[in-house]
Amino acid sequence: MRIHQLAPEPDEYSYVFGGRDPQLSVDPGDIVEVSTEDCFGGMVKTSRDLPSETVAFDRLNPVSGPIEIRGAEPGDLLAVHFASIVPARDYAISATFPHFGALTGSHETVTLQPPLDERVWIYDIDVDAWTATFSATRSDHRLVMPLDPMHGTVGVAPASDEVRLVVTPSTYGGNMDTPELRAGVTLYLPVNVPGAMLSLGDGHARQGEGELCGTGLECAMNSVIAVDVVKGAAPAWPRLQNDEYLMSTGSMRPLEDAFRISQRDLVNWTAELTGMDTLDAYQLVSQTVRTPAANVCDPNFTMMAKLPTWALHDASVYGGMHQHLKAVSAKYRN
């Protein structure tokens, strides 16, 4: 196990998946300490800094990377374990935008209603207390909330030499914006090009399911990841695993198609792990699944399908990769 650092300069961030040379090359089993910027590139610092006037659209959601994982080949599975995700600043930003969010007309869902006001909220972050403080902008209401850091955007290079803006989630990962992608989780991604070319960013100090207004508590992060490869095991869609659940994702419009993708993948995964036929797995998943929305406002919506691990008895998932990377991360911390 080797430990690497990736801390891009402002002009080194990427805004696409695919088509870029690696910033760092590592081996399977290595640890990477990664610094990431917030979705505004650190440009929004006060409630007066309106994002639409401060950040160009094609400079939203900068990601750190790509990271080349040596030996990863198309058809393999890339496992990314998040050992820790910690806010790098004492504040986070959230905002409402004209024509963006789940409860307003947008460029894709056109209505005659007036656009939402653009407004910025500044959250005080206290890492020592592990809290974020909400302050209403038109009243004196305040609320102290626990931190729940996650990465909204994690992905690899797409197949067929395609280059995609980071804001769109799809089969390669991308801007899935699921709160499930927190510390302690292992993310499984399909390898589409040699080296996989992993990138990540868009840290949220916390976010509700669905990312209703279109932004979480957007925050720069210092994260630690462990990476490994399973040969020939590429999933069709990104999958996640923690100690309690297996999770499948689906990213598409309309929302019910994202739902169907995630549920079908979980049914197929369950059948594969247990040896059951498809309809038996369908029945089991139907009675045990949880279905949180990840985001309902990105260019593609993302849905999650979660199966409790107790439903699978002692099934081995990718040869125990999640447990292996947890152990690797524990050695790093010690």
Protein backbone atom coordinates (compact mmCIF):
# COMPACT_ATOMS: atom_id res chain seq x y z
CA MET A 1 0.00 0.00 0.00
CA ARG A 2 1.31 3.40 -1.01
CA ILE A 3 -0.16 6.76 0.02
CA HIS A 4 -0.53 9.50 -2.59
CA GLN A 5 -1.70 13.11 -2.48
CA LEU A 6 -3.80 14.94 -5.06
CA ALA A 7 -4.32 18.66 -4.45
CA PRO A 8 -4.98 20.42 -7.78
CA GLU A 9 -4.19 24.06 -8.38
CA PRO A 10 -7.18 26.20 -9.49
CA ASP A 11 -6.30 25.81 -13.16
CA GLU A 12 -5.88 22.03 -12.86
CA TYR A 13 -9.46 21.05 -12.06
CA SER A 14 -11.47 19.16 -14.64
CA TYR A 15 -15.06 19.82 -15.74
CA VAL A 16 -15.54 16.67 -17.81
CA PHE A 17 -15.28 12.91 -17.55
CA GLY A 18 -13.11 11.50 -20.33
CA GLY A 19 -10.61 13.01 -22.72
CA ARG A 20 -8.03 14.09 -20.15
CA ASP A 21 -4.57 12.88 -19.17
CA PRO A 22 -4.16 11.61 -15.61
CA GLN A 23 -2.98 13.93 -12.86
CA LEU A 24 -1.89 10.96 -10.77
CA SER A 25 -1.19 7.27 -11.36
CA VAL A 26 -1.66 4.70 -8.57
CA ASP A 27 -1.73 0.93 -8.13
CA PRO A 28 -4.67 -1.17 -6.92
CA GLY A 29 -4.67 -1.22 -3.13
CA ASP A 30 -3.21 2.29 -2.82
CA ILE A 31 -4.56 5.19 -0.75
CA VAL A 32 -5.13 8.68 -2.13
CA GLU A 33 -5.58 11.83 -0.05
CA VAL A 34 -7.68 14.10 -2.28
CA SER A 35 -8.49 17.79 -1.95
CA THR A 36 -11.62 18.91 -3.80
CA GLU A 37 -13.19 22.29 -4.42
CA ASP A 38 -16.88 23.11 -3.96
CA CYS A 39 -19.27 23.19 -6.90
CA PHE A 40 -18.72 26.94 -7.29
CA GLY A 41 -14.96 26.60 -7.50
CA GLY A 42 -14.60 28.58 -4.27
CA MET A 43 -15.91 31.71 -6.01
CA VAL A 44 -19.03 32.15 -3.84
CA LYS A 45 -18.00 33.34 -0.40
CA THR A 46 -20.78 35.67 0.78
CA SER A 47 -24.54 36.00 0.36
CA ARG A 48 -23.87 38.81 -2.13
CA ASP A 49 -21.96 36.52 -4.51
CA LEU A 50 -24.78 35.31 -6.73
CA PRO A 51 -23.60 32.14 -8.50
CA SER A 52 -25.12 33.13 -11.86
CA GLU A 53 -23.01 36.28 -11.82
CA THR A 54 -19.91 34.70 -10.30
CA VAL A 55 -19.42 31.31 -11.94
CA ALA A 56 -19.71 30.43 -15.64
CA PHE A 57 -21.96 27.43 -16.27
CA ASP A 58 -19.13 25.37 -17.78
CA ARG A 59 -17.05 25.98 -14.64
CA LEU A 60 -19.55 24.49 -12.20
CA ASN A 61 -18.68 21.28 -10.33
CA PRO A 62 -14.88 21.13 -10.73
CA VAL A 63 -13.49 17.66 -10.04
CA SER A 64 -10.05 16.51 -8.94
CA GLY A 65 -8.39 14.04 -11.29
CA PRO A 66 -8.37 12.01 -13.30
CA ILE A 67 -6.56 9.37 -11.28
CA GLU A 68 -5.20 6.47 -13.35
CA ILE A 69 -5.40 3.06 -11.66
CA ARG A 70 -2.66 1.02 -13.28
CA GLY A 71 -3.78 -2.33 -14.64
CA ALA A 72 -7.48 -1.46 -14.82
CA GLU A 73 -8.85 -2.46 -18.23
CA PRO A 74 -12.24 -2.10 -19.93
CA GLY A 75 -14.63 -4.67 -18.50
CA ASP A 76 -13.07 -4.54 -15.02
CA LEU A 77 -14.69 -3.14 -11.89
CA LEU A 78 -13.13 -0.21 -10.04
CA ALA A 79 -13.76 -0.20 -6.28
CA VAL A 80 -13.43 3.16 -4.50
CA HIS A 81 -13.69 3.09 -0.70
CA PHE A 82 -14.27 6.42 1.06
CA ALA A 83 -12.27 6.22 4.28
CA SER A 84 -13.01 9.81 5.31
CA ILE A 85 -14.68 12.97 3.95
CA VAL A 86 -14.04 16.12 6.00
CA PRO A 87 -15.01 19.73 5.22
CA ALA A 88 -11.96 21.84 4.36
CA ARG A 89 -13.51 25.21 5.28
CA ASP A 90 -15.53 26.69 8.11
CA TYR A 91 -18.45 27.49 5.82
CA ALA A 92 -20.63 25.89 3.17
CA ILE A 93 -22.84 27.47 0.51
CA SER A 94 -26.34 26.65 -0.68
CA ALA A 95 -28.46 28.60 -3.14
CA THR A 96 -31.64 28.79 -5.15
CA PHE A 97 -31.39 29.59 -8.86
CA PRO A 98 -33.77 30.80 -11.54
CA HIS A 99 -34.96 27.82 -13.65
CA PHE A 100 -33.24 25.20 -11.49
CA GLY A 101 -34.48 22.88 -8.77
CA ALA A 102 -37.32 20.42 -8.29
CA LEU A 103 -40.09 22.88 -7.35
CA THR A 104 -39.80 25.40 -10.17
CA GLY A 105 -40.03 25.57 -13.91
CA SER A 106 -36.71 24.69 -15.54
CA HIS A 107 -35.11 24.66 -18.98
CA GLU A 108 -36.31 21.06 -19.38
CA THR A 109 -39.75 21.53 -17.75
CA VAL A 110 -40.98 24.81 -19.18
CA THR A 111 -43.79 26.74 -17.47
CA LEU A 112 -45.14 30.31 -17.47
CA GLN A 113 -44.49 30.84 -13.77
CA PRO A 114 -41.83 33.43 -12.89
CA PRO A 115 -38.37 32.05 -12.05
CA LEU A 116 -37.31 31.64 -8.44
CA ASP A 117 -35.29 34.38 -6.84
CA GLU A 118 -31.58 33.71 -6.69
CA ARG A 119 -30.56 33.63 -3.05
CA VAL A 120 -27.46 32.40 -1.19
CA TRP A 121 -27.32 30.81 2.26
CA ILE A 122 -24.08 30.64 4.23
CA TYR A 123 -23.80 27.73 6.66
CA ASP A 124 -21.28 27.90 9.50
CA ILE A 125 -19.29 24.65 9.65
CA ASP A 126 -17.72 23.48 12.91
CA VAL A 127 -15.68 20.35 12.23
CA ASP A 128 -14.71 19.93 15.89
CA ALA A 129 -18.37 19.94 16.95
CA TRP A 130 -19.33 18.15 13.69
CA THR A 131 -22.15 20.61 13.01
CA ALA A 132 -23.53 22.94 10.35
CA THR A 133 -25.69 25.93 11.30
CA PHE A 134 -28.61 27.06 9.15
CA SER A 135 -29.66 30.74 9.39
CA ALA A 136 -32.82 31.89 7.60
CA THR A 137 -32.36 34.94 5.38
CA ARG A 138 -35.74 36.59 6.15
CA SER A 139 -36.18 35.74 9.82
CA ASP A 140 -34.16 34.88 12.92
CA HIS A 141 -34.73 31.11 12.63
CA ARG A 142 -31.57 29.10 13.21
CA LEU A 143 -30.89 25.38 13.38
CA VAL A 144 -27.75 23.44 14.27
CA MET A 145 -27.55 20.20 12.28
CA PRO A 146 -25.06 17.31 12.37
CA LEU A 147 -22.61 17.10 9.49
CA ASP A 148 -23.09 14.23 7.04
CA PRO A 149 -20.39 14.82 4.41
CA MET A 150 -20.63 13.16 1.00
CA HIS A 151 -19.38 13.56 -2.55
CA GLY A 152 -22.00 14.46 -5.12
CA THR A 153 -19.80 13.79 -8.14
CA VAL A 154 -17.62 10.71 -8.60
CA GLY A 155 -17.00 8.91 -11.87
CA VAL A 156 -14.70 7.41 -14.46
CA ALA A 157 -14.12 8.09 -18.14
CA PRO A 158 -17.08 7.01 -20.31
CA ALA A 159 -16.79 4.35 -22.99
CA SER A 160 -16.16 4.93 -26.72
CA ASP A 161 -13.86 7.93 -26.14
CA GLU A 162 -16.89 9.97 -25.10
CA VAL A 163 -16.38 13.20 -23.12
CA ARG A 164 -19.22 14.27 -20.81
CA LEU A 165 -19.73 17.33 -18.62
CA VAL A 166 -19.48 16.39 -14.96
CA VAL A 167 -23.00 17.66 -14.18
CA THR A 168 -24.66 14.70 -15.96
CA PRO A 169 -24.87 11.35 -14.13
CA SER A 170 -24.93 8.15 -16.17
CA THR A 171 -23.44 4.65 -16.33
CA TYR A 172 -19.94 5.97 -15.58
CA GLY A 173 -21.05 7.67 -12.35
CA GLY A 174 -20.91 11.47 -12.50
CA ASN A 175 -23.11 13.93 -10.64
CA MET A 176 -25.32 11.36 -8.89
CA ASP A 177 -25.75 13.57 -5.79
CA THR A 178 -26.67 10.72 -3.46
CA PRO A 179 -26.21 11.25 0.30
CA GLU A 180 -25.37 7.55 0.44
CA LEU A 181 -21.89 8.33 -0.91
CA ARG A 182 -20.47 9.13 2.51
CA ALA A 183 -17.46 7.88 4.49
CA GLY A 184 -17.53 4.12 5.05
CA VAL A 185 -19.05 3.38 1.63
CA THR A 186 -17.43 1.49 -1.24
CA LEU A 187 -18.45 2.64 -4.72
CA TYR A 188 -18.25 0.19 -7.62
CA LEU A 189 -17.80 1.65 -11.11
CA PRO A 190 -17.37 0.07 -14.54
CA VAL A 191 -13.95 0.53 -16.15
CA ASN A 192 -14.42 1.81 -19.70
CA VAL A 193 -10.89 2.87 -20.69
CA PRO A 194 -7.41 1.72 -19.65
CA GLY A 195 -6.65 3.10 -16.17
CA ALA A 196 -10.34 3.87 -15.45
CA MET A 197 -9.52 7.60 -15.03
CA LEU A 198 -11.31 8.32 -11.74
CA SER A 199 -12.34 11.89 -10.80
CA LEU A 200 -14.27 13.25 -7.83
CA GLY A 201 -15.54 16.48 -6.34
CA ASP A 202 -18.75 18.34 -5.45
CA GLY A 203 -18.51 17.83 -1.70
CA HIS A 204 -21.61 18.45 0.41
CA ALA A 205 -21.36 18.93 4.17
CA ARG A 206 -24.83 17.40 4.16
CA GLN A 207 -27.76 17.04 1.75
CA GLY A 208 -31.33 15.83 1.96
CA GLU A 209 -32.50 13.00 -0.28
CA GLY A 210 -33.46 14.33 -3.71
CA GLU A 211 -31.38 17.54 -3.43
CA LEU A 212 -34.70 19.39 -3.63
CA CYS A 213 -33.50 22.95 -4.29
CA GLY A 214 -30.62 21.79 -6.49
CA THR A 215 -27.79 22.39 -4.02
CA GLY A 216 -26.58 20.72 -0.86
CA LEU A 217 -24.28 22.37 1.66
CA GLU A 218 -21.63 22.89 -1.00
CA CYS A 219 -18.20 22.66 0.56
CA ALA A 220 -14.55 22.01 -0.28
CA MET A 221 -13.42 18.66 1.10
CA ASN A 222 -10.36 16.77 2.21
CA SER A 223 -11.06 13.11 1.52
CA VAL A 224 -9.20 9.83 1.74
CA ILE A 225 -10.00 7.00 -0.68
CA ALA A 226 -8.68 3.47 -1.19
CA VAL A 227 -8.90 1.97 -4.68
CA ASP A 228 -8.78 -1.55 -6.07
CA VAL A 229 -9.81 -3.51 -9.17
CA VAL A 230 -11.85 -6.67 -9.72
CA LYS A 231 -11.02 -8.17 -13.10
CA GLY A 232 -13.87 -8.71 -15.55
CA ALA A 233 -16.62 -7.71 -13.11
CA ALA A 234 -17.81 -4.35 -14.51
CA PRO A 235 -21.36 -3.52 -13.38
CA ALA A 236 -23.76 -1.99 -15.89
CA TRP A 237 -24.46 0.90 -13.48
CA PRO A 238 -22.64 2.26 -10.42
CA ARG A 239 -23.22 0.27 -7.25
CA LEU A 240 -22.50 1.04 -3.60
CA GLN A 241 -21.93 -1.04 -0.50
CA ASN A 242 -21.69 -0.26 3.19
CA ASP A 243 -21.91 -2.49 6.25
CA GLU A 244 -25.71 -2.57 6.16
CA TYR A 245 -26.83 -2.27 2.53
CA LEU A 246 -26.10 -3.07 -1.08
CA MET A 247 -27.21 -0.23 -3.34
CA SER A 248 -27.85 0.07 -7.06
CA THR A 249 -28.19 3.35 -8.95
CA GLY A 250 -30.09 4.46 -12.02
CA SER A 251 -29.70 7.85 -13.71
CA MET A 252 -32.16 8.86 -16.40
CA ARG A 253 -35.16 11.01 -17.27
CA PRO A 254 -38.03 10.60 -16.56
CA LEU A 255 -37.71 9.74 -12.88
CA GLU A 256 -39.60 6.46 -13.18
CA ASP A 257 -37.02 5.19 -15.67
CA ALA A 258 -34.22 5.99 -13.21
CA PHE A 259 -36.27 4.08 -10.63
CA ARG A 260 -36.67 1.08 -12.95
CA ILE A 261 -32.96 0.98 -13.82
CA SER A 262 -31.90 0.95 -10.17
CA GLN A 263 -34.49 -1.66 -9.18
CA ARG A 264 -33.72 -3.98 -12.08
CA ASP A 265 -30.00 -3.79 -11.34
CA LEU A 266 -30.64 -4.66 -7.70
CA VAL A 267 -32.86 -7.61 -8.68
CA ASN A 268 -30.20 -8.93 -11.05
CA TRP A 269 -27.44 -8.39 -8.47
CA THR A 270 -29.49 -10.23 -5.82
CA ALA A 271 -30.08 -13.16 -8.16
CA GLU A 272 -26.37 -13.32 -8.98
CA LEU A 273 -25.31 -13.26 -5.33
CA THR A 274 -27.85 -15.81 -4.06
CA GLY A 275 -28.22 -18.15 -7.05
CA MET A 276 -31.97 -17.52 -7.12
CA ASP A 277 -33.83 -17.14 -10.38
CA THR A 278 -34.95 -13.69 -11.44
CA LEU A 279 -38.54 -13.89 -10.20
CA ASP A 280 -37.50 -15.16 -6.76
CA ALA A 281 -35.02 -12.29 -6.52
CA TYR A 282 -37.72 -9.89 -7.76
CA GLN A 283 -40.02 -11.08 -4.97
CA LEU A 284 -37.34 -10.74 -2.28
CA VAL A 285 -36.29 -7.26 -3.39
CA SER A 286 -39.94 -6.17 -3.60
CA GLN A 287 -40.43 -6.90 0.10
CA THR A 288 -37.13 -5.56 1.46
CA VAL A 289 -35.96 -2.69 -0.77
CA ARG A 290 -35.68 0.95 0.20
CA THR A 291 -35.83 3.54 -2.55
CA PRO A 292 -34.40 6.99 -1.71
CA ALA A 293 -34.14 9.62 -4.40
CA ALA A 294 -30.60 10.86 -4.93
CA ASN A 295 -31.30 13.91 -7.10
CA VAL A 296 -34.37 15.14 -8.97
CA CYS A 297 -32.90 18.23 -10.62
CA ASP A 298 -29.73 17.32 -12.57
CA PRO A 299 -29.72 16.76 -16.36
CA ASN A 300 -30.42 13.11 -15.46
CA PHE A 301 -32.27 12.20 -12.28
CA THR A 302 -30.74 9.55 -10.00
CA MET A 303 -32.59 6.96 -7.93
CA MET A 304 -31.22 4.47 -5.42
CA ALA A 305 -32.35 0.93 -4.61
CA LYS A 306 -31.09 -0.41 -1.24
CA LEU A 307 -31.18 -4.01 -0.08
CA PRO A 308 -30.27 -4.86 3.54
CA THR A 309 -27.32 -7.22 3.65
CA TRP A 310 -29.14 -9.53 6.10
CA ALA A 311 -31.42 -10.51 3.22
CA LEU A 312 -28.46 -12.12 1.46
CA HIS A 313 -27.25 -14.30 4.34
CA ASP A 314 -23.51 -14.84 3.84
CA ALA A 315 -23.24 -13.95 0.14
CA SER A 316 -19.78 -12.68 -0.84
CA VAL A 317 -19.84 -9.40 -2.75
CA TYR A 318 -16.94 -9.06 -5.19
CA GLY A 319 -14.83 -11.39 -3.08
CA GLY A 320 -15.24 -9.29 0.06
CA MET A 321 -13.84 -6.14 -1.58
CA HIS A 322 -15.69 -3.76 0.76
CA GLN A 323 -14.28 -5.46 3.85
CA HIS A 324 -10.82 -5.61 2.27
CA LEU A 325 -10.73 -1.88 1.53
CA LYS A 326 -12.05 -1.09 4.98
CA ALA A 327 -9.08 -3.00 6.38
CA VAL A 328 -6.68 -1.16 4.08
CA SER A 329 -8.15 2.16 5.25
CA ALA A 330 -7.82 1.12 8.89
CA LYS A 331 -4.09 0.47 8.35
CA TYR A 332 -3.78 3.96 6.88
CA ARG A 333 -5.42 5.55 9.91
CA ASN A 334 -3.14 3.62 12.25
